[in-house]
Amino acid sequence: MLKQEAGDGQRSLADPEFRADVLTGLSASPRAIPARWFYDRRGSELFEDITGLPEYYPTRTEVALLKSACGEVGRIVGEGRAVIEFGSGSSMKTPVLLESVQPSGYVPIDISGEFLRMSAAQIAGRFPGIPVHPVEANFMKPVPLPKAVAEAPKLGFFPGSTIGNMTPAAATDLLRAMRQSLGQGAMLLIGIDRVKDEGVLVPAYDDAAGVTAAFNLNLLERINRELDGTIDVAGFRHVARWNDDASRIEMHLEAVRDQRFDVDGRPFSIAAGETIHTENSHKYGPRGARVLLRTGGWTPVAEWTDEREWFSLILAEAQPTPMAP
């Protein structure tokens, strides 16, 4: 995918999957666009800003948990595994893990190639003794890994509770794809956000400074830029709400007035009050998280949580599939 450099004024060539998802999503009822398309360069930068907000508890809670748990993680997984990070982003949490497991290599996988290469270079500079092999790919599907790590035992790393952005069915498919990518005998360290009070959850996705709103609205800016869209971005507002039945925070873009616009030469209209569903963030109880992992082909072997039990880290293994009774 050829991406636009900041400020160059040139329209990039759109990823055909992005085009297909946007056109399909805007035509659907209800309308929805997959959250993975948030992460162009600007979206990735905004998300990094979100992680430092006072309302956004997941990042600081998980980082503290990693610092306290990674020594034990290292003892369990042993030395010499290749660390494969799915959706690596800025790789902010990665150094804590790399310092504890003494890996044979590090493979960050991300859909945002420019951001991926930048963060991979930073990790390589900080850990000159660890070979770094960035892979630009959609990790929702099985990803062929570099030959340099093909024969090494592997430790998958999936922090940030990103698993919560998928429906349970999609999360199960992703876990199975990860197992296929990493192979039997691999291990996976995954962060999973827990169910908690709505008064904590909603502000984490609708901060007072409006950074999350800008992150959500940037999706429309990207559509305009990459798909010749004519969407009036000011005609939409960010909405975050808790769906208790589905145990998830939902993010939407709500039209504040009737609109007509084009995307990739196709006309669309949206009525005031109608929304485009852009993200889910499912929250799991302890049992639900373990069942999800087992359904996806991973057997939990250790778990850690913070004092408030707001967040959990689970270490799981791709064990042989037992015969069913």
C-alpha atoms as a PDB file:
ATOM      1  CA  MET A   1       0.000   0.000   0.000  1.00  0.00           C
ATOM      2  CA  LEU A   2       1.325   3.444  -0.919  1.00  0.00           C
ATOM      3  CA  LYS A   3       0.573   5.837   1.904  1.00  0.00           C
ATOM      4  CA  GLN A   4       0.480   9.624   1.884  1.00  0.00           C
ATOM      5  CA  GLU A   5       3.397  11.332   3.555  1.00  0.00           C
ATOM      6  CA  ALA A   6       2.303  14.021   5.992  1.00  0.00           C
ATOM      7  CA  GLY A   7       1.787  17.324   4.254  1.00  0.00           C
ATOM      8  CA  ASP A   8       2.633  16.179   0.741  1.00  0.00           C
ATOM      9  CA  GLY A   9      -0.790  17.084  -0.642  1.00  0.00           C
ATOM     10  CA  GLN A  10      -0.916  13.935  -2.766  1.00  0.00           C
ATOM     11  CA  ARG A  11      -3.745  11.427  -2.699  1.00  0.00           C
ATOM     12  CA  SER A  12      -2.427   7.965  -1.833  1.00  0.00           C
ATOM     13  CA  LEU A  13      -3.387   4.823  -3.654  1.00  0.00           C
ATOM     14  CA  ALA A  14      -6.059   3.228  -1.490  1.00  0.00           C
ATOM     15  CA  ASP A  15      -5.718  -0.261  -0.134  1.00  0.00           C
ATOM     16  CA  PRO A  16      -8.326  -2.325  -2.030  1.00  0.00           C
ATOM     17  CA  GLU A  17      -9.433  -3.951   1.245  1.00  0.00           C
ATOM     18  CA  PHE A  18      -9.976  -0.491   2.754  1.00  0.00           C
ATOM     19  CA  ARG A  19     -12.064   0.529  -0.259  1.00  0.00           C
ATOM     20  CA  ALA A  20     -14.118  -2.661  -0.092  1.00  0.00           C
ATOM     21  CA  ASP A  21     -14.724  -2.429   3.655  1.00  0.00           C
ATOM     22  CA  VAL A  22     -15.744   1.242   3.489  1.00  0.00           C
ATOM     23  CA  LEU A  23     -18.096   0.827   0.537  1.00  0.00           C
ATOM     24  CA  THR A  24     -19.658  -2.291   2.024  1.00  0.00           C
ATOM     25  CA  GLY A  25     -19.909  -0.748   5.483  1.00  0.00           C
ATOM     26  CA  LEU A  26     -21.532   2.479   4.306  1.00  0.00           C
ATOM     27  CA  SER A  27     -24.060   0.458   2.282  1.00  0.00           C
ATOM     28  CA  ALA A  28     -24.978  -1.815   5.198  1.00  0.00           C
ATOM     29  CA  SER A  29     -27.795  -1.423   7.685  1.00  0.00           C
ATOM     30  CA  PRO A  30     -26.731  -0.619  10.329  1.00  0.00           C
ATOM     31  CA  ARG A  31     -23.621   1.041   8.912  1.00  0.00           C
ATOM     32  CA  ALA A  32     -20.252  -0.127  10.231  1.00  0.00           C
ATOM     33  CA  ILE A  33     -16.579   0.108   9.248  1.00  0.00           C
ATOM     34  CA  PRO A  34     -13.945  -2.227  10.780  1.00  0.00           C
ATOM     35  CA  ALA A  35     -11.852  -0.571  13.487  1.00  0.00           C
ATOM     36  CA  ARG A  36      -8.568  -1.701  11.935  1.00  0.00           C
ATOM     37  CA  TRP A  37      -8.861   1.168   9.419  1.00  0.00           C
ATOM     38  CA  PHE A  38      -8.379   3.745  12.177  1.00  0.00           C
ATOM     39  CA  TYR A  39      -4.640   3.198  11.956  1.00  0.00           C
ATOM     40  CA  ASP A  40      -3.204   5.295   9.186  1.00  0.00           C
ATOM     41  CA  ARG A  41      -0.255   7.409  10.285  1.00  0.00           C
ATOM     42  CA  ARG A  42      -2.431  10.125  11.866  1.00  0.00           C
ATOM     43  CA  GLY A  43      -4.689   7.564  13.526  1.00  0.00           C
ATOM     44  CA  SER A  44      -1.699   5.731  14.986  1.00  0.00           C
ATOM     45  CA  GLU A  45      -0.323   9.004  16.363  1.00  0.00           C
ATOM     46  CA  LEU A  46      -3.674   9.926  17.906  1.00  0.00           C
ATOM     47  CA  PHE A  47      -3.985   6.518  19.522  1.00  0.00           C
ATOM     48  CA  GLU A  48      -0.572   6.966  21.138  1.00  0.00           C
ATOM     49  CA  ASP A  49      -1.880  10.268  22.533  1.00  0.00           C
ATOM     50  CA  ILE A  50      -4.957   8.469  23.874  1.00  0.00           C
ATOM     51  CA  THR A  51      -2.815   6.013  25.831  1.00  0.00           C
ATOM     52  CA  GLY A  52      -1.442   8.869  27.934  1.00  0.00           C
ATOM     53  CA  LEU A  53      -4.789  10.433  28.833  1.00  0.00           C
ATOM     54  CA  PRO A  54      -5.838  10.429  32.513  1.00  0.00           C
ATOM     55  CA  GLU A  55      -9.160   8.739  31.687  1.00  0.00           C
ATOM     56  CA  TYR A  56      -7.547   5.951  29.665  1.00  0.00           C
ATOM     57  CA  TYR A  57      -6.623   3.418  32.349  1.00  0.00           C
ATOM     58  CA  PRO A  58      -5.777   0.344  30.157  1.00  0.00           C
ATOM     59  CA  THR A  59      -2.271   1.359  29.076  1.00  0.00           C
ATOM     60  CA  ARG A  60      -0.854   2.439  32.432  1.00  0.00           C
ATOM     61  CA  THR A  61      -2.546  -0.494  34.185  1.00  0.00           C
ATOM     62  CA  GLU A  62      -1.148  -3.011  31.711  1.00  0.00           C
ATOM     63  CA  VAL A  63       2.350  -1.489  31.719  1.00  0.00           C
ATOM     64  CA  ALA A  64       2.496  -1.720  35.528  1.00  0.00           C
ATOM     65  CA  LEU A  65       1.228  -5.286  35.323  1.00  0.00           C
ATOM     66  CA  LEU A  66       3.851  -6.214  32.711  1.00  0.00           C
ATOM     67  CA  LYS A  67       6.616  -4.787  34.872  1.00  0.00           C
ATOM     68  CA  SER A  68       5.510  -6.873  37.839  1.00  0.00           C
ATOM     69  CA  ALA A  69       4.749 -10.075  35.895  1.00  0.00           C
ATOM     70  CA  CYS A  70       7.385 -10.295  33.158  1.00  0.00           C
ATOM     71  CA  GLY A  71      10.053 -11.770  35.410  1.00  0.00           C
ATOM     72  CA  GLU A  72       7.786 -14.738  36.020  1.00  0.00           C
ATOM     73  CA  VAL A  73       6.814 -14.806  32.343  1.00  0.00           C
ATOM     74  CA  GLY A  74      10.497 -15.102  31.470  1.00  0.00           C
ATOM     75  CA  ARG A  75      10.985 -18.014  33.871  1.00  0.00           C
ATOM     76  CA  ILE A  76       8.000 -19.878  32.404  1.00  0.00           C
ATOM     77  CA  VAL A  77       8.744 -19.377  28.690  1.00  0.00           C
ATOM     78  CA  GLY A  78      12.533 -19.695  28.961  1.00  0.00           C
ATOM     79  CA  GLU A  79      15.199 -18.039  26.840  1.00  0.00           C
ATOM     80  CA  GLY A  80      15.613 -18.065  23.072  1.00  0.00           C
ATOM     81  CA  ARG A  81      12.036 -17.732  21.839  1.00  0.00           C
ATOM     82  CA  ALA A  82      11.303 -15.411  18.942  1.00  0.00           C
ATOM     83  CA  VAL A  83       8.830 -12.775  20.121  1.00  0.00           C
ATOM     84  CA  ILE A  84       6.066 -12.149  17.562  1.00  0.00           C
ATOM     85  CA  GLU A  85       4.023  -9.047  18.352  1.00  0.00           C
ATOM     86  CA  PHE A  86       0.627  -8.721  16.668  1.00  0.00           C
ATOM     87  CA  GLY A  87      -0.478  -5.125  16.042  1.00  0.00           C
ATOM     88  CA  SER A  88       2.760  -3.730  17.414  1.00  0.00           C
ATOM     89  CA  GLY A  89       1.964  -0.013  16.950  1.00  0.00           C
ATOM     90  CA  SER A  90       4.634   2.021  18.736  1.00  0.00           C
ATOM     91  CA  SER A  91       5.948  -1.100  20.544  1.00  0.00           C
ATOM     92  CA  MET A  92       5.800   0.953  23.749  1.00  0.00           C
ATOM     93  CA  LYS A  93       5.263  -2.084  26.003  1.00  0.00           C
ATOM     94  CA  THR A  94       7.623  -4.372  24.133  1.00  0.00           C
ATOM     95  CA  PRO A  95      10.904  -3.468  25.899  1.00  0.00           C
ATOM     96  CA  VAL A  96       9.530  -4.705  29.227  1.00  0.00           C
ATOM     97  CA  LEU A  97       8.973  -8.141  27.702  1.00  0.00           C
ATOM     98  CA  LEU A  98      12.192  -8.262  25.656  1.00  0.00           C
ATOM     99  CA  GLU A  99      14.282  -7.504  28.735  1.00  0.00           C
ATOM    100  CA  SER A 100      12.722 -10.471  30.540  1.00  0.00           C
ATOM    101  CA  VAL A 101      12.714 -13.261  27.933  1.00  0.00           C
ATOM    102  CA  GLN A 102      16.061 -12.776  26.135  1.00  0.00           C
ATOM    103  CA  PRO A 103      14.580 -13.576  22.705  1.00  0.00           C
ATOM    104  CA  SER A 104      16.343 -14.926  19.633  1.00  0.00           C
ATOM    105  CA  GLY A 105      14.526 -12.382  17.471  1.00  0.00           C
ATOM    106  CA  TYR A 106      11.655  -9.900  17.420  1.00  0.00           C
ATOM    107  CA  VAL A 107       8.970  -9.749  14.707  1.00  0.00           C
ATOM    108  CA  PRO A 108       6.568  -6.792  14.969  1.00  0.00           C
ATOM    109  CA  ILE A 109       3.490  -7.174  12.744  1.00  0.00           C
ATOM    110  CA  ASP A 110       1.299  -4.177  11.934  1.00  0.00           C
ATOM    111  CA  ILE A 111      -0.969  -2.931   9.163  1.00  0.00           C
ATOM    112  CA  SER A 112       0.466   0.619   9.277  1.00  0.00           C
ATOM    113  CA  GLY A 113       3.770   0.166   7.453  1.00  0.00           C
ATOM    114  CA  GLU A 114       5.280   3.605   8.031  1.00  0.00           C
ATOM    115  CA  PHE A 115       4.560   3.526  11.765  1.00  0.00           C
ATOM    116  CA  LEU A 116       5.775  -0.088  11.921  1.00  0.00           C
ATOM    117  CA  ARG A 117       9.158   0.689  10.381  1.00  0.00           C
ATOM    118  CA  MET A 118       9.678   3.667  12.666  1.00  0.00           C
ATOM    119  CA  SER A 119       8.947   1.719  15.854  1.00  0.00           C
ATOM    120  CA  ALA A 120      10.970  -1.303  14.648  1.00  0.00           C
ATOM    121  CA  ALA A 121      13.985   0.960  14.125  1.00  0.00           C
ATOM    122  CA  GLN A 122      13.612   2.284  17.667  1.00  0.00           C
ATOM    123  CA  ILE A 123      13.537  -1.245  19.109  1.00  0.00           C
ATOM    124  CA  ALA A 124      16.557  -2.246  17.022  1.00  0.00           C
ATOM    125  CA  GLY A 125      18.465   0.750  18.341  1.00  0.00           C
ATOM    126  CA  ARG A 126      17.571  -0.043  21.936  1.00  0.00           C
ATOM    127  CA  PHE A 127      18.307  -3.771  21.639  1.00  0.00           C
ATOM    128  CA  PRO A 128      21.205  -4.066  19.149  1.00  0.00           C
ATOM    129  CA  GLY A 129      21.735  -7.734  20.026  1.00  0.00           C
ATOM    130  CA  ILE A 130      18.211  -8.774  18.995  1.00  0.00           C
ATOM    131  CA  PRO A 131      17.487  -9.236  15.253  1.00  0.00           C
ATOM    132  CA  VAL A 132      14.335  -7.271  14.339  1.00  0.00           C
ATOM    133  CA  HIS A 133      12.211  -8.369  11.359  1.00  0.00           C
ATOM    134  CA  PRO A 134       9.196  -6.064  10.806  1.00  0.00           C
ATOM    135  CA  VAL A 135       6.282  -7.491   8.806  1.00  0.00           C
ATOM    136  CA  GLU A 136       3.588  -5.256   7.298  1.00  0.00           C
ATOM    137  CA  ALA A 137       0.469  -7.423   7.252  1.00  0.00           C
ATOM    138  CA  ASN A 138      -3.113  -7.840   8.356  1.00  0.00           C
ATOM    139  CA  PHE A 139      -2.663 -10.136  11.349  1.00  0.00           C
ATOM    140  CA  MET A 140      -6.345 -11.086  11.340  1.00  0.00           C
ATOM    141  CA  LYS A 141      -5.252 -13.805   8.930  1.00  0.00           C
ATOM    142  CA  PRO A 142      -2.371 -16.299   9.284  1.00  0.00           C
ATOM    143  CA  VAL A 143       0.884 -14.438   8.630  1.00  0.00           C
ATOM    144  CA  PRO A 144       3.936 -16.110   7.039  1.00  0.00           C
ATOM    145  CA  LEU A 145       6.841 -15.348   9.354  1.00  0.00           C
ATOM    146  CA  PRO A 146      10.392 -14.467   8.226  1.00  0.00           C
ATOM    147  CA  LYS A 147      12.654 -17.430   7.523  1.00  0.00           C
ATOM    148  CA  ALA A 148      15.058 -16.158  10.177  1.00  0.00           C
ATOM    149  CA  VAL A 149      12.608 -17.142  12.936  1.00  0.00           C
ATOM    150  CA  ALA A 150      10.818 -20.032  11.232  1.00  0.00           C
ATOM    151  CA  GLU A 151      12.519 -22.771  13.255  1.00  0.00           C
ATOM    152  CA  ALA A 152      12.709 -20.909  16.584  1.00  0.00           C
ATOM    153  CA  PRO A 153      10.248 -21.569  19.413  1.00  0.00           C
ATOM    154  CA  LYS A 154       7.843 -18.646  19.502  1.00  0.00           C
ATOM    155  CA  LEU A 155       6.150 -16.344  21.992  1.00  0.00           C
ATOM    156  CA  GLY A 156       3.241 -14.339  20.634  1.00  0.00           C
ATOM    157  CA  PHE A 157       2.598 -10.963  22.251  1.00  0.00           C
ATOM    158  CA  PHE A 158      -0.798  -9.273  21.954  1.00  0.00           C
ATOM    159  CA  PRO A 159      -1.074  -6.485  24.546  1.00  0.00           C
ATOM    160  CA  GLY A 160      -3.537  -3.636  24.847  1.00  0.00           C
ATOM    161  CA  SER A 161      -6.698  -5.739  25.066  1.00  0.00           C
ATOM    162  CA  THR A 162      -6.964  -5.418  21.287  1.00  0.00           C
ATOM    163  CA  ILE A 163      -8.737  -8.784  21.345  1.00  0.00           C
ATOM    164  CA  GLY A 164     -11.691  -6.864  22.785  1.00  0.00           C
ATOM    165  CA  ASN A 165     -12.105  -4.901  19.549  1.00  0.00           C
ATOM    166  CA  MET A 166     -13.458  -8.020  17.870  1.00  0.00           C
ATOM    167  CA  THR A 167     -16.762  -9.786  18.297  1.00  0.00           C
ATOM    168  CA  PRO A 168     -16.317 -13.074  20.191  1.00  0.00           C
ATOM    169  CA  ALA A 169     -16.598 -14.979  16.882  1.00  0.00           C
ATOM    170  CA  ALA A 170     -13.964 -12.793  15.201  1.00  0.00           C
ATOM    171  CA  ALA A 171     -11.748 -12.964  18.299  1.00  0.00           C
ATOM    172  CA  THR A 172     -11.908 -16.761  18.148  1.00  0.00           C
ATOM    173  CA  ASP A 173     -10.948 -16.689  14.465  1.00  0.00           C
ATOM    174  CA  LEU A 174      -8.027 -14.376  15.262  1.00  0.00           C
ATOM    175  CA  LEU A 175      -6.739 -16.635  18.040  1.00  0.00           C
ATOM    176  CA  ARG A 176      -6.900 -19.583  15.649  1.00  0.00           C
ATOM    177  CA  ALA A 177      -5.023 -17.577  13.002  1.00  0.00           C
ATOM    178  CA  MET A 178      -2.369 -16.721  15.602  1.00  0.00           C
ATOM    179  CA  ARG A 179      -2.024 -20.382  16.480  1.00  0.00           C
ATOM    180  CA  GLN A 180      -1.585 -21.201  12.794  1.00  0.00           C
ATOM    181  CA  SER A 181       1.023 -18.439  12.411  1.00  0.00           C
ATOM    182  CA  LEU A 182       3.010 -19.470  15.500  1.00  0.00           C
ATOM    183  CA  GLY A 183       2.598 -23.242  15.438  1.00  0.00           C
ATOM    184  CA  GLN A 184       1.996 -25.940  18.030  1.00  0.00           C
ATOM    185  CA  GLY A 185       4.079 -25.507  21.160  1.00  0.00           C
ATOM    186  CA  ALA A 186       4.116 -21.713  20.829  1.00  0.00           C
ATOM    187  CA  MET A 187       3.075 -19.514  23.721  1.00  0.00           C
ATOM    188  CA  LEU A 188       0.980 -16.341  23.725  1.00  0.00           C
ATOM    189  CA  LEU A 189       1.010 -13.476  26.229  1.00  0.00           C
ATOM    190  CA  ILE A 190      -2.214 -11.519  25.839  1.00  0.00           C
ATOM    191  CA  GLY A 191      -3.752  -8.526  27.606  1.00  0.00           C
ATOM    192  CA  ILE A 192      -7.495  -8.632  28.289  1.00  0.00           C
ATOM    193  CA  ASP A 193      -9.531  -5.802  29.799  1.00  0.00           C
ATOM    194  CA  ARG A 194     -12.058  -6.758  32.452  1.00  0.00           C
ATOM    195  CA  VAL A 195     -15.654  -5.703  33.072  1.00  0.00           C
ATOM    196  CA  LYS A 196     -15.900  -2.751  35.461  1.00  0.00           C
ATOM    197  CA  ASP A 197     -18.109   0.197  36.390  1.00  0.00           C
ATOM    198  CA  GLU A 198     -19.617   2.135  33.475  1.00  0.00           C
ATOM    199  CA  GLY A 199     -18.411   5.356  35.095  1.00  0.00           C
ATOM    200  CA  VAL A 200     -14.833   4.216  34.539  1.00  0.00           C
ATOM    201  CA  LEU A 201     -15.366   2.671  31.122  1.00  0.00           C
ATOM    202  CA  VAL A 202     -17.192   5.422  29.203  1.00  0.00           C
ATOM    203  CA  PRO A 203     -14.767   8.305  29.995  1.00  0.00           C
ATOM    204  CA  ALA A 204     -11.871   6.098  28.849  1.00  0.00           C
ATOM    205  CA  TYR A 205     -13.424   6.201  25.351  1.00  0.00           C
ATOM    206  CA  ASP A 206     -14.810   9.751  25.475  1.00  0.00           C
ATOM    207  CA  ASP A 207     -12.120  11.880  27.130  1.00  0.00           C
ATOM    208  CA  ALA A 208     -12.611  15.481  28.163  1.00  0.00           C
ATOM    209  CA  ALA A 209      -9.837  16.729  25.840  1.00  0.00           C
ATOM    210  CA  GLY A 210     -11.538  15.268  22.762  1.00  0.00           C
ATOM    211  CA  VAL A 211      -8.564  13.173  21.618  1.00  0.00           C
ATOM    212  CA  THR A 212     -10.658  10.021  21.180  1.00  0.00           C
ATOM    213  CA  ALA A 213     -13.210  12.056  19.234  1.00  0.00           C
ATOM    214  CA  ALA A 214     -10.439  13.234  16.893  1.00  0.00           C
ATOM    215  CA  PHE A 215      -9.231   9.637  16.543  1.00  0.00           C
ATOM    216  CA  ASN A 216     -12.715   8.472  15.547  1.00  0.00           C
ATOM    217  CA  LEU A 217     -13.346  11.392  13.165  1.00  0.00           C
ATOM    218  CA  ASN A 218      -9.956  10.832  11.521  1.00  0.00           C
ATOM    219  CA  LEU A 219     -11.478   7.758   9.875  1.00  0.00           C
ATOM    220  CA  LEU A 220     -13.714  10.088   7.843  1.00  0.00           C
ATOM    221  CA  GLU A 221     -10.707  12.258   6.984  1.00  0.00           C
ATOM    222  CA  ARG A 222      -8.932   9.147   5.733  1.00  0.00           C
ATOM    223  CA  ILE A 223     -11.921   8.158   3.601  1.00  0.00           C
ATOM    224  CA  ASN A 224     -11.985  11.639   2.053  1.00  0.00           C
ATOM    225  CA  ARG A 225      -8.244  11.566   1.386  1.00  0.00           C
ATOM    226  CA  GLU A 226      -7.778   8.035   0.093  1.00  0.00           C
ATOM    227  CA  LEU A 227     -11.160   7.332  -1.518  1.00  0.00           C
ATOM    228  CA  ASP A 228     -12.005  10.740  -3.005  1.00  0.00           C
ATOM    229  CA  GLY A 229     -14.684  11.207  -0.360  1.00  0.00           C
ATOM    230  CA  THR A 230     -16.773  14.348   0.002  1.00  0.00           C
ATOM    231  CA  ILE A 231     -17.925  13.706   3.576  1.00  0.00           C
ATOM    232  CA  ASP A 232     -18.511  16.829   5.684  1.00  0.00           C
ATOM    233  CA  VAL A 233     -16.547  15.688   8.745  1.00  0.00           C
ATOM    234  CA  ALA A 234     -17.931  18.573  10.819  1.00  0.00           C
ATOM    235  CA  GLY A 235     -21.363  17.058  10.254  1.00  0.00           C
ATOM    236  CA  PHE A 236     -20.528  14.099  12.493  1.00  0.00           C
ATOM    237  CA  ARG A 237     -19.835  13.723  16.201  1.00  0.00           C
ATOM    238  CA  HIS A 238     -18.091  11.058  18.250  1.00  0.00           C
ATOM    239  CA  VAL A 239     -20.282   8.882  20.477  1.00  0.00           C
ATOM    240  CA  ALA A 240     -19.131   6.292  23.046  1.00  0.00           C
ATOM    241  CA  ARG A 241     -21.602   4.144  24.994  1.00  0.00           C
ATOM    242  CA  TRP A 242     -21.700   1.012  27.123  1.00  0.00           C
ATOM    243  CA  ASN A 243     -23.721  -1.917  25.755  1.00  0.00           C
ATOM    244  CA  ASP A 244     -24.325  -4.053  28.836  1.00  0.00           C
ATOM    245  CA  ASP A 245     -25.997  -6.948  26.988  1.00  0.00           C
ATOM    246  CA  ALA A 246     -22.939  -7.378  24.742  1.00  0.00           C
ATOM    247  CA  SER A 247     -20.461  -6.427  27.523  1.00  0.00           C
ATOM    248  CA  ARG A 248     -18.752  -3.840  25.365  1.00  0.00           C
ATOM    249  CA  ILE A 249     -18.026  -0.170  24.821  1.00  0.00           C
ATOM    250  CA  GLU A 250     -19.191   0.937  21.373  1.00  0.00           C
ATOM    251  CA  MET A 251     -17.845   3.890  19.383  1.00  0.00           C
ATOM    252  CA  HIS A 252     -19.988   5.491  16.716  1.00  0.00           C
ATOM    253  CA  LEU A 253     -19.871   8.452  14.358  1.00  0.00           C
ATOM    254  CA  GLU A 254     -23.280  10.112  14.557  1.00  0.00           C
ATOM    255  CA  ALA A 255     -24.576  12.415  11.821  1.00  0.00           C
ATOM    256  CA  VAL A 256     -25.657  15.728  13.366  1.00  0.00           C
ATOM    257  CA  ARG A 257     -27.603  16.658  10.223  1.00  0.00           C
ATOM    258  CA  ASP A 258     -28.783  15.007   7.013  1.00  0.00           C
ATOM    259  CA  GLN A 259     -25.925  14.509   4.566  1.00  0.00           C
ATOM    260  CA  ARG A 260     -25.270  13.429   1.020  1.00  0.00           C
ATOM    261  CA  PHE A 261     -21.739  12.590  -0.058  1.00  0.00           C
ATOM    262  CA  ASP A 262     -19.687  10.517  -2.491  1.00  0.00           C
ATOM    263  CA  VAL A 263     -17.024   7.908  -1.754  1.00  0.00           C
ATOM    264  CA  ASP A 264     -14.983   6.443  -4.610  1.00  0.00           C
ATOM    265  CA  GLY A 265     -17.558   7.825  -7.048  1.00  0.00           C
ATOM    266  CA  ARG A 266     -20.546   6.221  -5.287  1.00  0.00           C
ATOM    267  CA  PRO A 267     -23.306   8.366  -3.743  1.00  0.00           C
ATOM    268  CA  PHE A 268     -24.448   7.904  -0.147  1.00  0.00           C
ATOM    269  CA  SER A 269     -26.877   9.646   2.161  1.00  0.00           C
ATOM    270  CA  ILE A 270     -27.238   9.552   5.936  1.00  0.00           C
ATOM    271  CA  ALA A 271     -29.975  11.010   8.120  1.00  0.00           C
ATOM    272  CA  ALA A 272     -29.416  13.117  11.216  1.00  0.00           C
ATOM    273  CA  GLY A 273     -29.084  10.840  14.245  1.00  0.00           C
ATOM    274  CA  GLU A 274     -27.963   7.830  12.196  1.00  0.00           C
ATOM    275  CA  THR A 275     -24.578   6.392  13.094  1.00  0.00           C
ATOM    276  CA  ILE A 276     -21.605   4.600  11.563  1.00  0.00           C
ATOM    277  CA  HIS A 277     -20.431   1.963  14.053  1.00  0.00           C
ATOM    278  CA  THR A 278     -16.625   2.143  14.138  1.00  0.00           C
ATOM    279  CA  GLU A 279     -15.376   0.161  17.132  1.00  0.00           C
ATOM    280  CA  ASN A 280     -16.260  -2.312  19.857  1.00  0.00           C
ATOM    281  CA  SER A 281     -14.213  -2.887  22.978  1.00  0.00           C
ATOM    282  CA  HIS A 282     -15.452  -6.044  24.672  1.00  0.00           C
ATOM    283  CA  LYS A 283     -14.725  -6.547  28.356  1.00  0.00           C
ATOM    284  CA  TYR A 284     -14.368 -10.025  29.845  1.00  0.00           C
ATOM    285  CA  GLY A 285     -14.688 -11.605  33.239  1.00  0.00           C
ATOM    286  CA  PRO A 286     -11.958 -14.080  34.295  1.00  0.00           C
ATOM    287  CA  ARG A 287     -13.886 -17.193  33.223  1.00  0.00           C
ATOM    288  CA  GLY A 288     -15.019 -15.645  29.949  1.00  0.00           C
ATOM    289  CA  ALA A 289     -11.440 -14.741  29.014  1.00  0.00           C
ATOM    290  CA  ARG A 290     -10.188 -18.263  29.635  1.00  0.00           C
ATOM    291  CA  VAL A 291     -13.068 -19.817  27.680  1.00  0.00           C
ATOM    292  CA  LEU A 292     -12.345 -17.461  24.776  1.00  0.00           C
ATOM    293  CA  LEU A 293      -8.697 -18.530  24.690  1.00  0.00           C
ATOM    294  CA  ARG A 294      -9.534 -22.225  24.834  1.00  0.00           C
ATOM    295  CA  THR A 295     -12.083 -21.840  22.046  1.00  0.00           C
ATOM    296  CA  GLY A 296      -9.355 -20.217  19.944  1.00  0.00           C
ATOM    297  CA  GLY A 297      -6.952 -23.128  20.510  1.00  0.00           C
ATOM    298  CA  TRP A 298      -4.901 -21.749  23.422  1.00  0.00           C
ATOM    299  CA  THR A 299      -4.614 -23.326  26.880  1.00  0.00           C
ATOM    300  CA  PRO A 300      -4.067 -20.789  29.703  1.00  0.00           C
ATOM    301  CA  VAL A 301      -1.069 -21.692  31.866  1.00  0.00           C
ATOM    302  CA  ALA A 302      -0.672 -18.548  34.025  1.00  0.00           C
ATOM    303  CA  GLU A 303      -2.575 -15.326  34.760  1.00  0.00           C
ATOM    304  CA  TRP A 304      -1.830 -12.015  36.461  1.00  0.00           C
ATOM    305  CA  THR A 305      -4.085  -9.101  37.411  1.00  0.00           C
ATOM    306  CA  ASP A 306      -3.700  -5.714  39.099  1.00  0.00           C
ATOM    307  CA  GLU A 307      -4.862  -4.915  42.636  1.00  0.00           C
ATOM    308  CA  ARG A 308      -8.202  -3.515  41.431  1.00  0.00           C
ATOM    309  CA  GLU A 309      -8.679  -6.492  39.078  1.00  0.00           C
ATOM    310  CA  TRP A 310      -9.280  -4.102  36.185  1.00  0.00           C
ATOM    311  CA  PHE A 311      -6.990  -5.831  33.711  1.00  0.00           C
ATOM    312  CA  SER A 312      -5.432  -9.247  33.197  1.00  0.00           C
ATOM    313  CA  LEU A 313      -2.406 -10.732  31.467  1.00  0.00           C
ATOM    314  CA  ILE A 314      -2.780 -14.354  30.451  1.00  0.00           C
ATOM    315  CA  LEU A 315      -0.003 -16.643  29.261  1.00  0.00           C
ATOM    316  CA  ALA A 316      -1.343 -19.484  27.124  1.00  0.00           C
ATOM    317  CA  GLU A 317       0.143 -22.362  25.138  1.00  0.00           C
ATOM    318  CA  ALA A 318      -0.760 -23.976  21.820  1.00  0.00           C
ATOM    319  CA  GLN A 319      -0.990 -27.487  23.168  1.00  0.00           C
ATOM    320  CA  PRO A 320      -1.952 -30.582  21.147  1.00  0.00           C
ATOM    321  CA  THR A 321      -5.685 -30.816  20.664  1.00  0.00           C
ATOM    322  CA  PRO A 322      -7.012 -33.563  22.969  1.00  0.00           C
ATOM    323  CA  MET A 323      -9.480 -36.202  21.846  1.00  0.00           C
ATOM    324  CA  ALA A 324     -13.013 -35.259  22.832  1.00  0.00           C
ATOM    325  CA  PRO A 325     -14.781 -37.759  25.133  1.00  0.00           C
END
